[in-house]
Amino acid sequence: MLILTLRFICAMEDKEFSRRLGEAIDLFDASDFERSLRLARSLKKELLAAKVDPDQMGWSLYYEFKSLYELGEYGEAYRLLKSADGHHCEIPVSIAGWMHSVAAELAYLLKLPEDMATLGKRCIELYTKADELENATLCAQNCCAFLDELGRPDLKPCFENFLKERG
C-alpha cells in the first residue's frame, strides 16, 4: 500500500522542500514535464539518502508519476507505482486512488490484465474510502471495458458486483 503511517524526522527543511516542490508543480502546470520529472526525482533521491519524511516522499513520488505519465513513459510510470510500496510515504487517499486508476489504465495498455484488475480493485477501495464514489464507479466501468478488450471477462465479477451495488 502507498499509505503508510510511519513517521520520521523531516529529511529536508519544510520551507526548502515546499519551495522545490512548488517549483516542480509550477513546471508541471506549465507542461514542462521533463524538468518537473527531473526535479521530482532529485527530491526523491535526496529524501532516500536521509531519514524519510513520508509526506515529502509521497509528494515527490506523485509528481514523478504524473510527469512520467504526461511524457508518455507509461512503462516507467507503471513500474514506479508498483515499486512505491518500498518507500516510506504518505499520499492522500484520493490522490492514491487517482494514481491507482491511472496505473490500472497503464496495465491495460501494457496488456497486463491481472495487474490491471488488482490495481482497479485497489483504486475502488481508495476512492470509496475517500468518499469519491463517482470516481470509484468510473474506475469499475473502465475496468470492465478494459478486461473485455483484453479478452479476460473472467476478471470482471468484482467490478460488475460493485456496479450492481451502486445501482
Protein backbone atom coordinates (compact mmCIF):
# COMPACT_ATOMS: atom_id res chain seq x y z
CA MET A 1 0.00 0.00 0.00
CA LEU A 2 1.12 3.54 -0.65
CA ILE A 3 -0.31 4.89 2.56
CA LEU A 4 1.92 4.12 5.49
CA THR A 5 1.73 5.57 8.96
CA LEU A 6 5.46 5.62 9.66
CA ARG A 7 6.84 8.95 10.78
CA PHE A 8 10.47 10.01 10.64
CA ILE A 9 12.36 13.21 11.30
CA CYS A 10 11.96 15.55 8.34
CA ALA A 11 14.55 14.74 5.72
CA MET A 12 14.61 18.26 4.39
CA GLU A 13 13.65 21.56 5.91
CA ASP A 14 9.96 22.09 5.23
CA LYS A 15 10.49 25.52 3.66
CA GLU A 16 13.15 24.21 1.27
CA PHE A 17 11.04 21.18 0.38
CA SER A 18 7.94 23.35 -0.14
CA ARG A 19 9.90 25.74 -2.37
CA ARG A 20 11.30 22.94 -4.53
CA LEU A 21 8.03 21.02 -4.68
CA GLY A 22 6.30 24.28 -5.65
CA GLU A 23 8.82 24.66 -8.45
CA ALA A 24 8.08 21.10 -9.65
CA ILE A 25 4.34 21.85 -9.54
CA ASP A 26 4.81 25.10 -11.49
CA LEU A 27 6.87 23.28 -14.12
CA PHE A 28 4.23 20.56 -14.36
CA ASP A 29 1.43 23.12 -14.67
CA ALA A 30 3.42 24.83 -17.44
CA SER A 31 3.60 21.44 -19.25
CA ASP A 32 7.37 21.30 -18.73
CA PHE A 33 7.12 17.64 -17.75
CA GLU A 34 10.78 16.80 -18.32
CA ARG A 35 12.04 19.44 -15.88
CA SER A 36 9.26 18.60 -13.42
CA LEU A 37 10.31 14.94 -13.61
CA ARG A 38 13.99 15.81 -13.05
CA LEU A 39 13.12 17.91 -10.00
CA ALA A 40 10.79 15.26 -8.54
CA ARG A 41 13.50 12.63 -8.99
CA SER A 42 16.09 14.90 -7.41
CA LEU A 43 13.82 15.42 -4.40
CA LYS A 44 13.22 11.68 -4.10
CA LYS A 45 16.95 10.93 -4.30
CA GLU A 46 17.70 13.39 -1.51
CA LEU A 47 14.85 12.06 0.61
CA LEU A 48 16.04 8.48 0.18
CA ALA A 49 19.56 9.49 1.24
CA ALA A 50 18.24 10.94 4.51
CA LYS A 51 15.67 9.84 7.04
CA VAL A 52 12.49 9.99 5.02
CA ASP A 53 9.62 12.27 5.80
CA PRO A 54 6.67 10.22 4.47
CA ASP A 55 4.70 13.28 3.33
CA GLN A 56 7.62 14.68 1.37
CA MET A 57 8.34 11.30 -0.21
CA GLY A 58 4.67 10.94 -1.17
CA TRP A 59 4.57 14.27 -2.96
CA SER A 60 7.88 13.53 -4.74
CA LEU A 61 6.56 10.20 -5.98
CA TYR A 62 3.27 11.78 -7.05
CA TYR A 63 4.93 14.38 -9.27
CA GLU A 64 7.41 11.87 -10.63
CA PHE A 65 4.49 9.58 -11.55
CA LYS A 66 2.42 12.40 -13.09
CA SER A 67 5.39 13.67 -15.11
CA LEU A 68 6.22 10.20 -16.43
CA TYR A 69 2.59 9.73 -17.44
CA GLU A 70 2.43 13.07 -19.24
CA LEU A 71 5.69 12.29 -21.05
CA GLY A 72 4.17 9.05 -22.32
CA GLU A 73 6.64 6.97 -20.30
CA TYR A 74 3.87 4.53 -19.41
CA GLY A 75 6.01 1.53 -18.57
CA GLU A 76 8.21 3.59 -16.27
CA ALA A 77 5.21 5.25 -14.58
CA TYR A 78 3.65 1.82 -14.07
CA ARG A 79 6.85 0.39 -12.55
CA LEU A 80 7.19 3.43 -10.27
CA LEU A 81 3.74 2.88 -8.77
CA LYS A 82 4.34 -0.85 -8.44
CA SER A 83 7.62 -0.20 -6.58
CA ALA A 84 6.23 2.63 -4.41
CA ASP A 85 5.42 0.16 -1.63
CA GLY A 86 9.14 0.03 -0.91
CA HIS A 87 9.17 3.72 0.02
CA HIS A 88 8.05 5.12 3.33
CA CYS A 89 5.47 7.56 2.03
CA GLU A 90 2.08 9.01 2.73
CA ILE A 91 -0.19 10.09 -0.06
CA PRO A 92 -3.69 11.48 0.45
CA VAL A 93 -6.26 8.75 -0.16
CA SER A 94 -7.95 10.46 -3.11
CA ILE A 95 -4.60 11.05 -4.83
CA ALA A 96 -3.58 7.44 -4.22
CA GLY A 97 -6.93 6.46 -5.78
CA TRP A 98 -6.16 8.55 -8.86
CA MET A 99 -2.68 7.04 -9.12
CA HIS A 100 -4.09 3.52 -8.96
CA SER A 101 -6.73 4.40 -11.55
CA VAL A 102 -4.04 5.63 -13.93
CA ALA A 103 -1.85 2.61 -13.16
CA ALA A 104 -4.78 0.30 -13.98
CA GLU A 105 -5.09 2.08 -17.33
CA LEU A 106 -1.34 1.68 -17.85
CA ALA A 107 -1.57 -2.04 -17.05
CA TYR A 108 -4.29 -2.25 -19.70
CA LEU A 109 -2.05 -0.51 -22.24
CA LEU A 110 0.80 -2.86 -21.29
CA LYS A 111 -1.58 -5.83 -21.69
CA LEU A 112 -1.32 -6.98 -18.06
CA PRO A 113 -4.92 -7.93 -17.24
CA GLU A 114 -4.27 -9.47 -13.80
CA ASP A 115 -2.33 -6.41 -12.66
CA MET A 116 -4.99 -4.16 -14.18
CA ALA A 117 -7.67 -5.92 -12.14
CA THR A 118 -5.61 -5.74 -8.93
CA LEU A 119 -4.90 -2.04 -9.41
CA GLY A 120 -8.52 -1.36 -10.32
CA LYS A 121 -9.72 -3.06 -7.12
CA ARG A 122 -7.28 -1.00 -5.06
CA CYS A 123 -8.42 2.16 -6.83
CA ILE A 124 -12.04 1.42 -5.93
CA GLU A 125 -11.06 0.75 -2.29
CA LEU A 126 -9.20 4.04 -2.07
CA TYR A 127 -11.87 6.12 -3.78
CA THR A 128 -14.54 4.51 -1.61
CA LYS A 129 -12.51 5.33 1.49
CA ALA A 130 -12.21 8.93 0.27
CA ASP A 131 -15.99 9.00 -0.34
CA GLU A 132 -15.40 9.59 -4.05
CA LEU A 133 -17.93 7.05 -5.29
CA GLU A 134 -18.31 8.67 -8.70
CA ASN A 135 -14.60 8.10 -9.37
CA ALA A 136 -14.83 4.56 -7.98
CA THR A 137 -17.75 3.85 -10.32
CA LEU A 138 -15.87 5.25 -13.31
CA CYS A 139 -12.90 3.03 -12.45
CA ALA A 140 -15.15 -0.07 -12.24
CA GLN A 141 -16.74 0.78 -15.61
CA ASN A 142 -13.33 1.26 -17.22
CA CYS A 143 -12.02 -2.00 -15.75
CA CYS A 144 -14.98 -3.91 -17.20
CA ALA A 145 -14.38 -2.40 -20.65
CA PHE A 146 -10.61 -2.94 -20.48
CA LEU A 147 -10.99 -6.56 -19.39
CA ASP A 148 -13.39 -7.21 -22.27
CA GLU A 149 -10.86 -5.74 -24.69
CA LEU A 150 -8.08 -7.86 -23.18
CA GLY A 151 -10.22 -10.99 -23.51
CA ARG A 152 -10.39 -11.55 -19.75
CA PRO A 153 -14.07 -11.30 -18.75
CA ASP A 154 -13.29 -13.83 -16.00
CA LEU A 155 -11.72 -10.97 -14.02
CA LYS A 156 -14.81 -8.75 -14.23
CA PRO A 157 -17.14 -10.09 -11.48
CA CYS A 158 -15.80 -7.91 -8.66
CA PHE A 159 -16.24 -4.78 -10.82
CA GLU A 160 -19.68 -5.86 -12.03
CA ASN A 161 -20.75 -6.55 -8.44
CA PHE A 162 -19.56 -3.11 -7.37
CA LEU A 163 -21.54 -1.51 -10.20
CA LYS A 164 -24.68 -3.52 -9.31
CA GLU A 165 -24.38 -2.42 -5.68
CA ARG A 166 -24.10 1.20 -6.83
CA GLY A 167 -27.24 0.86 -8.94
